Amino acid sequence: MTQTEPDDPFAEIRSAVARLCDQFPAFYWRQLDRDSAYPTAFVQALTQAGYLAALIPEEFGGAGLSLSAAAAILEEVQRAGANGAACHAQMYIMGSLLRHGSEAQKKQYLPQIASGALRLQAFGVTEPGSGTDTTSITTFAEKRGDQYVVNGQKVWTSRAEHSDLMLLLARTTPKDKVAKRTDGLSVFIVDMKKALVGGMTIRPIRTMMNHSTTEVFFDNVHVPTENLIGEEGKGFRYILSGMNAERILIAAECIGDAKWFIKKATDYANERRVFGRPIGQNQGVQFPIARAYAQMRAAELMVKHAASLFESGRDCGAEANMAKMLAAEASWAAAEACVQTHGGFGFAEEYDIERKFREARLYQVAPISTNLILSHLAEHVLGLPRSY
């Protein structure tokens, strides 16, 4: 596989990202994984190079690039064997602020996010009792004068300990008092430092991969009314576009992972000799790698199609979800083929496969389960009865 396609419009970006990632070799990521540590130096390098501000307009200090360009950046990060979790969050979370924030909010936050003075990497949506049933969240923001007082709990809120700002979804009208279940939800920008001394508690959750995830508790946390994004009660619609961007960007990461696994497997299959010949000469080794490659290329086309629809402002909910599902499945197939090709060495830390294997498994569950995607397609695309 070549590093870039001959007609790739983002070839220069890909090459530049690859060169930056070369400064953070495999042992850097191994050590972070052992220590469950945040990739501070890597995030700083990407920030200084302007990549985490890819989607921020130039007038606010960003690069003003397209979602497709951002997807190319993240794909290359994963293709280099790195972990872009701390990077994709900042890109997609700011979508609600970019599309629905006031001019005052954009001027206040976007230049500082672009420069790296502020990190916006925490997304407070999921709750223990609601899971992916977002309309059933119970975290409540009660308006009192010029403040909202927030009480409740969020879970799987990654990077909360390493973020200056959180994008928070909370109910502002009880579910039993709204006409539609998607009404009464609002989006807020939360200043994490102020919240931590004003009733917010963060508790880390150790997981099978190094994802810096946490649960967050709100106990009478005060958020100024000027930190409300858009109109009160319209927040569900605001985060939907951000969720579509999230799915597309994570799908691009999965494509990058698949390419990493496929190259790793192909190189080893050519080099490793057993019974006097390279193991890659055996069809039992060849076929799983070749099939994973075909799956990856098919998923790659869906990712590009979904990104194109998103950029044109057209509805891309089904395509974004399909891109994420197909890319996650392709990366997992490539991961399986890579481990199988390496045999026992696939489980050795020094080969990095077991780390990437654990990381790749996440995306069939998060940020949305494959089963929920299939239910969405069944109902909204195929016209089958609602199943949930």
Protein backbone atom coordinates (compact mmCIF):
# COMPACT_ATOMS: atom_id res chain seq x y z
CA MET A 1 0.00 0.00 0.00
CA THR A 2 1.30 3.45 -0.84
CA GLN A 3 1.25 6.19 1.76
CA THR A 4 -1.18 8.27 -0.32
CA GLU A 5 -3.35 7.72 -3.39
CA PRO A 6 -2.17 9.47 -6.60
CA ASP A 7 -5.18 11.80 -6.67
CA ASP A 8 -5.45 12.36 -2.92
CA PRO A 9 -6.19 16.08 -2.30
CA PHE A 10 -4.81 15.75 1.23
CA ALA A 11 -1.50 14.14 0.31
CA GLU A 12 0.56 17.00 1.76
CA ILE A 13 -1.40 17.00 5.02
CA ARG A 14 -0.98 13.23 5.34
CA SER A 15 2.77 13.43 4.77
CA ALA A 16 3.16 16.23 7.30
CA VAL A 17 1.13 14.37 9.94
CA ALA A 18 3.15 11.22 9.31
CA ARG A 19 6.40 13.16 9.85
CA LEU A 20 5.07 14.58 13.11
CA CYS A 21 4.01 11.13 14.31
CA ASP A 22 7.52 9.83 13.57
CA GLN A 23 8.66 11.95 16.52
CA PHE A 24 6.53 9.77 18.81
CA PRO A 25 7.67 6.19 18.16
CA ALA A 26 6.10 3.01 19.45
CA PHE A 27 7.86 3.01 22.83
CA TYR A 28 6.25 6.40 23.63
CA TRP A 29 2.77 4.88 23.26
CA ARG A 30 3.76 1.70 25.08
CA GLN A 31 4.88 3.67 28.10
CA LEU A 32 1.67 5.74 28.15
CA ASP A 33 -0.36 2.55 27.91
CA ARG A 34 1.52 0.99 30.85
CA ASP A 35 1.00 4.10 32.98
CA SER A 36 -2.54 4.89 31.78
CA ALA A 37 -1.17 8.35 31.05
CA TYR A 38 -2.43 11.18 28.85
CA PRO A 39 -0.33 11.93 25.70
CA THR A 40 0.48 15.51 26.71
CA ALA A 41 3.55 15.94 24.51
CA PHE A 42 1.77 14.50 21.47
CA VAL A 43 -1.28 16.71 21.95
CA GLN A 44 0.94 19.77 22.35
CA ALA A 45 2.82 18.92 19.15
CA LEU A 46 -0.41 18.52 17.19
CA THR A 47 -1.76 21.75 18.65
CA GLN A 48 1.38 23.71 17.77
CA ALA A 49 1.24 22.34 14.24
CA GLY A 50 -2.37 23.57 13.96
CA TYR A 51 -3.96 20.17 13.43
CA LEU A 52 -6.32 20.29 16.42
CA ALA A 53 -7.63 23.62 15.11
CA ALA A 54 -8.29 22.18 11.66
CA LEU A 55 -12.04 22.87 11.75
CA ILE A 56 -11.86 26.29 13.42
CA PRO A 57 -12.34 29.15 10.91
CA GLU A 58 -9.27 31.23 10.07
CA GLU A 59 -10.86 34.36 11.58
CA PHE A 60 -10.65 32.64 14.97
CA GLY A 61 -7.09 31.41 14.55
CA GLY A 62 -7.81 28.00 13.05
CA ALA A 63 -7.02 26.42 9.70
CA GLY A 64 -10.57 26.51 8.37
CA LEU A 65 -10.27 23.07 6.81
CA SER A 66 -13.03 20.69 5.77
CA LEU A 67 -14.22 17.64 7.69
CA SER A 68 -12.54 15.50 5.01
CA ALA A 69 -9.21 17.16 5.81
CA ALA A 70 -9.74 16.56 9.52
CA ALA A 71 -10.55 12.93 8.75
CA ALA A 72 -7.29 12.62 6.79
CA ILE A 73 -5.36 13.99 9.79
CA LEU A 74 -6.88 11.47 12.18
CA GLU A 75 -6.51 8.59 9.75
CA GLU A 76 -2.79 9.28 9.50
CA VAL A 77 -2.41 9.50 13.27
CA GLN A 78 -3.86 5.99 13.61
CA ARG A 79 -1.99 4.70 10.57
CA ALA A 80 1.24 5.71 12.31
CA GLY A 81 0.39 3.48 15.28
CA ALA A 82 -0.53 6.38 17.55
CA ASN A 83 -3.72 6.89 19.55
CA GLY A 84 -5.77 9.84 18.34
CA ALA A 85 -8.51 9.69 20.99
CA ALA A 86 -7.41 12.97 22.55
CA CYS A 87 -7.40 14.55 19.10
CA HIS A 88 -10.73 13.55 17.57
CA ALA A 89 -12.64 14.80 20.60
CA GLN A 90 -11.49 18.39 20.21
CA MET A 91 -12.43 18.32 16.54
CA TYR A 92 -15.98 17.05 16.81
CA ILE A 93 -16.98 18.51 20.19
CA MET A 94 -16.52 22.05 18.94
CA GLY A 95 -19.11 21.43 16.21
CA SER A 96 -21.96 22.64 18.43
CA LEU A 97 -20.00 25.77 19.28
CA LEU A 98 -19.05 26.41 15.65
CA ARG A 99 -22.56 25.94 14.29
CA HIS A 100 -24.77 27.16 17.12
CA GLY A 101 -22.65 29.26 19.46
CA SER A 102 -23.07 33.02 19.68
CA GLU A 103 -20.49 35.37 18.20
CA ALA A 104 -19.45 36.31 21.74
CA GLN A 105 -18.88 32.64 22.62
CA LYS A 106 -16.89 32.03 19.44
CA LYS A 107 -14.69 35.06 20.04
CA GLN A 108 -14.14 34.08 23.66
CA TYR A 109 -13.30 30.41 23.20
CA LEU A 110 -12.27 29.54 19.65
CA PRO A 111 -9.01 31.55 19.47
CA GLN A 112 -7.88 30.06 22.78
CA ILE A 113 -8.80 26.54 21.66
CA ALA A 114 -6.93 27.10 18.40
CA SER A 115 -3.79 28.31 20.19
CA GLY A 116 -3.89 25.52 22.75
CA ALA A 117 -4.50 27.89 25.67
CA LEU A 118 -7.74 25.98 26.29
CA ARG A 119 -8.61 22.34 25.66
CA LEU A 120 -12.16 21.39 24.74
CA GLN A 121 -11.95 17.60 24.90
CA ALA A 122 -14.68 16.55 27.34
CA PHE A 123 -18.21 15.73 26.16
CA GLY A 124 -20.74 15.20 28.95
CA VAL A 125 -23.67 13.28 27.43
CA THR A 126 -23.89 9.61 28.48
CA GLU A 127 -25.33 8.69 31.88
CA PRO A 128 -25.36 5.38 33.81
CA GLY A 129 -29.14 5.03 33.61
CA SER A 130 -29.67 6.11 30.01
CA GLY A 131 -26.76 4.78 27.95
CA THR A 132 -27.41 5.61 24.31
CA ASP A 133 -31.01 6.64 25.08
CA THR A 134 -29.92 10.27 25.20
CA THR A 135 -33.42 11.69 25.63
CA SER A 136 -33.70 9.87 28.97
CA ILE A 137 -30.80 11.66 30.66
CA THR A 138 -31.66 13.06 34.09
CA THR A 139 -28.82 15.51 34.75
CA PHE A 140 -30.76 18.73 35.27
CA ALA A 141 -29.83 22.38 34.86
CA GLU A 142 -32.21 24.65 36.76
CA LYS A 143 -32.18 28.32 35.85
CA ARG A 144 -31.80 30.63 38.83
CA GLY A 145 -31.32 34.26 37.84
CA ASP A 146 -28.19 34.61 35.74
CA GLN A 147 -27.01 31.08 36.55
CA TYR A 148 -27.97 27.49 35.82
CA VAL A 149 -27.50 25.08 38.73
CA VAL A 150 -26.55 21.61 37.51
CA ASN A 151 -27.09 18.35 39.37
CA GLY A 152 -26.55 14.84 38.07
CA GLN A 153 -23.96 12.38 36.82
CA LYS A 154 -22.20 11.58 33.56
CA VAL A 155 -20.21 8.47 32.71
CA TRP A 156 -17.69 7.52 30.00
CA THR A 157 -16.69 11.18 29.86
CA SER A 158 -13.22 10.78 28.44
CA ARG A 159 -10.43 13.32 29.09
CA ALA A 160 -12.40 15.22 31.75
CA GLU A 161 -9.23 15.39 33.85
CA HIS A 162 -7.26 16.89 30.96
CA SER A 163 -9.77 19.35 29.55
CA ASP A 164 -10.32 23.01 30.42
CA LEU A 165 -13.83 23.03 29.00
CA MET A 166 -16.66 20.52 28.77
CA LEU A 167 -19.59 20.52 26.40
CA LEU A 168 -22.47 19.41 28.63
CA LEU A 169 -25.92 18.18 27.66
CA ALA A 170 -28.50 18.52 30.43
CA ARG A 171 -32.25 18.67 30.83
CA THR A 172 -33.71 22.11 31.39
CA THR A 173 -37.33 20.89 31.23
CA PRO A 174 -38.43 17.58 32.77
CA LYS A 175 -39.08 14.83 30.24
CA ASP A 176 -42.70 14.43 31.38
CA LYS A 177 -43.38 18.10 30.62
CA VAL A 178 -42.25 18.29 26.99
CA ALA A 179 -44.26 17.64 23.82
CA LYS A 180 -41.49 15.58 22.21
CA ARG A 181 -38.90 13.54 24.07
CA THR A 182 -36.12 15.39 22.21
CA ASP A 183 -37.32 18.73 23.60
CA GLY A 184 -36.12 20.26 26.86
CA LEU A 185 -32.43 19.40 26.45
CA SER A 186 -29.83 22.16 26.48
CA VAL A 187 -26.11 22.44 25.76
CA PHE A 188 -23.66 24.32 27.97
CA ILE A 189 -19.99 25.18 27.99
CA VAL A 190 -18.63 24.29 31.42
CA ASP A 191 -15.44 25.84 32.78
CA MET A 192 -13.85 22.78 34.36
CA LYS A 193 -11.54 24.60 36.76
CA LYS A 194 -14.38 26.64 38.22
CA ALA A 195 -16.67 23.62 38.35
CA LEU A 196 -14.07 21.55 40.21
CA VAL A 197 -14.09 24.02 43.09
CA GLY A 198 -17.84 24.50 42.83
CA GLY A 199 -19.33 21.03 43.28
CA MET A 200 -18.04 18.91 40.41
CA THR A 201 -16.16 15.66 41.11
CA ILE A 202 -14.24 13.57 38.57
CA ARG A 203 -13.55 9.89 39.15
CA PRO A 204 -11.28 7.97 36.72
CA ILE A 205 -12.45 4.63 35.29
CA ARG A 206 -9.72 2.16 34.41
CA THR A 207 -10.48 0.36 31.16
CA MET A 208 -8.84 -2.22 28.88
CA MET A 209 -7.38 0.58 26.74
CA ASN A 210 -5.73 3.88 27.68
CA HIS A 211 -8.64 6.24 27.02
CA SER A 212 -8.52 8.62 30.02
CA THR A 213 -12.19 7.99 30.70
CA THR A 214 -14.08 9.10 33.81
CA GLU A 215 -17.40 9.54 35.51
CA VAL A 216 -18.36 13.06 36.51
CA PHE A 217 -20.66 14.14 39.35
CA PHE A 218 -22.43 17.52 39.49
CA ASP A 219 -23.55 18.75 42.89
CA ASN A 220 -25.10 22.23 42.57
CA VAL A 221 -22.55 23.29 39.96
CA HIS A 222 -23.20 26.87 38.79
CA VAL A 223 -22.94 27.65 35.06
CA PRO A 224 -23.49 31.24 33.84
CA THR A 225 -26.44 31.77 31.47
CA GLU A 226 -24.04 33.17 28.86
CA ASN A 227 -22.54 29.67 28.62
CA LEU A 228 -25.78 28.27 27.18
CA ILE A 229 -25.25 27.40 23.51
CA GLY A 230 -28.14 28.45 21.28
CA GLU A 231 -31.69 28.30 22.60
CA GLU A 232 -32.70 26.60 25.81
CA GLY A 233 -34.41 23.28 25.14
CA LYS A 234 -33.05 22.88 21.59
CA GLY A 235 -29.81 21.13 22.55
CA PHE A 236 -30.61 17.69 21.19
CA ARG A 237 -30.68 19.05 17.65
CA TYR A 238 -27.40 20.90 18.24
CA ILE A 239 -25.48 17.82 19.23
CA LEU A 240 -26.81 15.65 16.39
CA SER A 241 -24.64 17.34 13.76
CA GLY A 242 -21.69 16.98 16.12
CA MET A 243 -22.47 13.29 16.52
CA ASN A 244 -22.47 12.80 12.75
CA ALA A 245 -19.07 14.47 12.56
CA GLU A 246 -17.89 12.29 15.44
CA ARG A 247 -18.92 9.10 13.66
CA ILE A 248 -17.19 10.16 10.43
CA LEU A 249 -13.97 11.17 12.18
CA ILE A 250 -13.84 7.98 14.23
CA ALA A 251 -14.56 5.97 11.09
CA ALA A 252 -11.51 7.62 9.52
CA GLU A 253 -9.47 6.59 12.56
CA CYS A 254 -10.65 3.02 12.11
CA ILE A 255 -9.50 3.13 8.49
CA GLY A 256 -6.10 4.29 9.72
CA ASP A 257 -6.02 1.45 12.24
CA ALA A 258 -6.93 -1.07 9.56
CA LYS A 259 -4.11 0.18 7.34
CA TRP A 260 -1.66 -0.12 10.25
CA PHE A 261 -2.74 -3.70 11.00
CA ILE A 262 -2.67 -4.71 7.33
CA LYS A 263 0.81 -3.33 6.77
CA LYS A 264 2.06 -4.90 9.98
CA ALA A 265 0.62 -8.29 8.96
CA THR A 266 1.83 -8.06 5.36
CA ASP A 267 5.37 -7.12 6.34
CA TYR A 268 5.58 -9.94 8.87
CA ALA A 269 4.07 -12.48 6.47
CA ASN A 270 6.79 -11.62 3.95
CA GLU A 271 9.62 -11.74 6.49
CA ARG A 272 8.69 -14.68 8.71
CA ARG A 273 9.94 -18.01 7.38
CA VAL A 274 8.64 -21.36 8.63
CA PHE A 275 9.27 -24.75 6.97
CA GLY A 276 11.74 -23.05 4.65
CA ARG A 277 9.40 -20.47 3.10
CA PRO A 278 7.68 -17.18 4.00
CA ILE A 279 4.39 -17.75 5.79
CA GLY A 280 2.78 -15.23 3.45
CA GLN A 281 3.06 -17.83 0.70
CA ASN A 282 0.34 -19.83 2.42
CA GLN A 283 -3.23 -19.01 1.41
CA GLY A 284 -4.36 -19.54 5.00
CA VAL A 285 -2.26 -16.51 5.90
CA GLN A 286 -2.86 -14.53 2.71
CA PHE A 287 -6.63 -14.70 2.53
CA PRO A 288 -7.56 -13.09 5.89
CA ILE A 289 -5.20 -10.18 5.18
CA ALA A 290 -6.50 -9.76 1.63
CA ARG A 291 -10.11 -9.90 2.82
CA ALA A 292 -9.40 -7.31 5.53
CA TYR A 293 -7.85 -5.08 2.87
CA ALA A 294 -10.96 -5.37 0.69
CA GLN A 295 -13.19 -4.56 3.68
CA MET A 296 -11.05 -1.54 4.52
CA ARG A 297 -11.19 -0.12 1.00
CA ALA A 298 -14.98 -0.52 0.84
CA ALA A 299 -15.42 1.17 4.23
CA GLU A 300 -13.03 3.92 3.14
CA LEU A 301 -15.37 4.81 0.28
CA MET A 302 -18.32 5.13 2.67
CA VAL A 303 -16.29 7.38 4.97
CA LYS A 304 -15.46 9.69 2.06
CA HIS A 305 -19.09 9.71 0.91
CA ALA A 306 -20.40 10.54 4.39
CA ALA A 307 -17.86 13.36 4.79
CA SER A 308 -18.86 14.78 1.41
CA LEU A 309 -22.54 14.81 2.39
CA PHE A 310 -21.71 16.45 5.73
CA GLU A 311 -19.69 19.18 4.04
CA SER A 312 -22.49 19.95 1.59
CA GLY A 313 -24.93 20.43 4.46
CA ARG A 314 -27.08 17.47 3.42
CA ASP A 315 -28.56 14.88 5.75
CA CYS A 316 -25.88 12.27 6.40
CA GLY A 317 -27.15 10.46 9.49
CA ALA A 318 -27.45 7.06 7.81
CA GLU A 319 -24.16 7.43 5.92
CA ALA A 320 -22.23 8.62 8.98
CA ASN A 321 -23.50 5.66 10.97
CA MET A 322 -22.77 3.17 8.18
CA ALA A 323 -19.28 4.61 7.76
CA LYS A 324 -18.56 4.19 11.44
CA MET A 325 -19.97 0.65 11.56
CA LEU A 326 -18.22 -0.59 8.41
CA ALA A 327 -14.91 1.02 9.29
CA ALA A 328 -15.00 -0.38 12.83
CA GLU A 329 -15.70 -3.85 11.46
CA ALA A 330 -12.91 -3.48 8.89
CA SER A 331 -10.38 -2.43 11.51
CA TRP A 332 -11.38 -5.34 13.74
CA ALA A 333 -11.04 -7.81 10.86
CA ALA A 334 -7.60 -6.39 10.15
CA ALA A 335 -6.69 -6.63 13.83
CA GLU A 336 -7.75 -10.28 13.94
CA ALA A 337 -5.74 -11.07 10.79
CA CYS A 338 -2.70 -9.27 12.20
CA VAL A 339 -2.74 -11.19 15.49
CA GLN A 340 -3.29 -14.48 13.70
CA THR A 341 -0.44 -13.78 11.29
CA HIS A 342 1.97 -13.02 14.12
CA GLY A 343 0.91 -15.99 16.22
CA GLY A 344 2.37 -15.79 19.73
CA PHE A 345 4.30 -12.63 18.91
CA GLY A 346 1.00 -10.85 18.39
CA PHE A 347 0.51 -10.94 22.15
CA ALA A 348 3.94 -9.52 22.95
CA GLU A 349 3.93 -5.90 24.08
CA GLU A 350 6.99 -5.01 22.01
CA TYR A 351 5.14 -5.64 18.74
CA ASP A 352 2.42 -3.08 19.67
CA ILE A 353 -0.27 -5.28 18.15
CA GLU A 354 -1.93 -6.19 21.45
CA ARG A 355 -2.21 -2.50 22.37
CA LYS A 356 -3.75 -1.54 19.05
CA PHE A 357 -5.93 -4.67 19.20
CA ARG A 358 -7.44 -3.49 22.49
CA GLU A 359 -7.91 0.05 21.19
CA ALA A 360 -9.59 -1.10 17.96
CA ARG A 361 -12.21 -3.17 19.80
CA LEU A 362 -13.72 -0.06 21.37
CA TYR A 363 -15.26 1.29 18.20
CA GLN A 364 -17.82 -1.44 17.72
CA VAL A 365 -19.30 -0.26 21.02
CA ALA A 366 -18.54 3.46 21.18
CA PRO A 367 -19.48 6.14 20.49
CA ILE A 368 -22.52 4.15 19.44
CA SER A 369 -23.11 0.42 19.42
CA THR A 370 -23.27 -1.46 16.13
CA ASN A 371 -26.69 -2.77 17.21
CA LEU A 372 -28.05 0.78 17.54
CA ILE A 373 -26.74 1.62 14.09
CA LEU A 374 -28.51 -1.41 12.63
CA SER A 375 -31.72 -0.42 14.41
CA HIS A 376 -31.43 3.11 12.99
CA LEU A 377 -30.95 1.79 9.45
CA ALA A 378 -33.81 -0.68 9.83
CA GLU A 379 -36.28 1.99 10.92
CA HIS A 380 -35.19 5.16 9.15
CA VAL A 381 -33.79 3.76 5.91
CA LEU A 382 -35.64 0.49 5.36
CA GLY A 383 -38.95 1.53 6.93
CA LEU A 384 -39.15 -1.40 9.35
CA PRO A 385 -41.05 -1.06 12.67
CA ARG A 386 -39.27 0.80 15.45
CA SER A 387 -37.47 -1.71 17.68
CA TYR A 388 -36.61 0.49 20.66
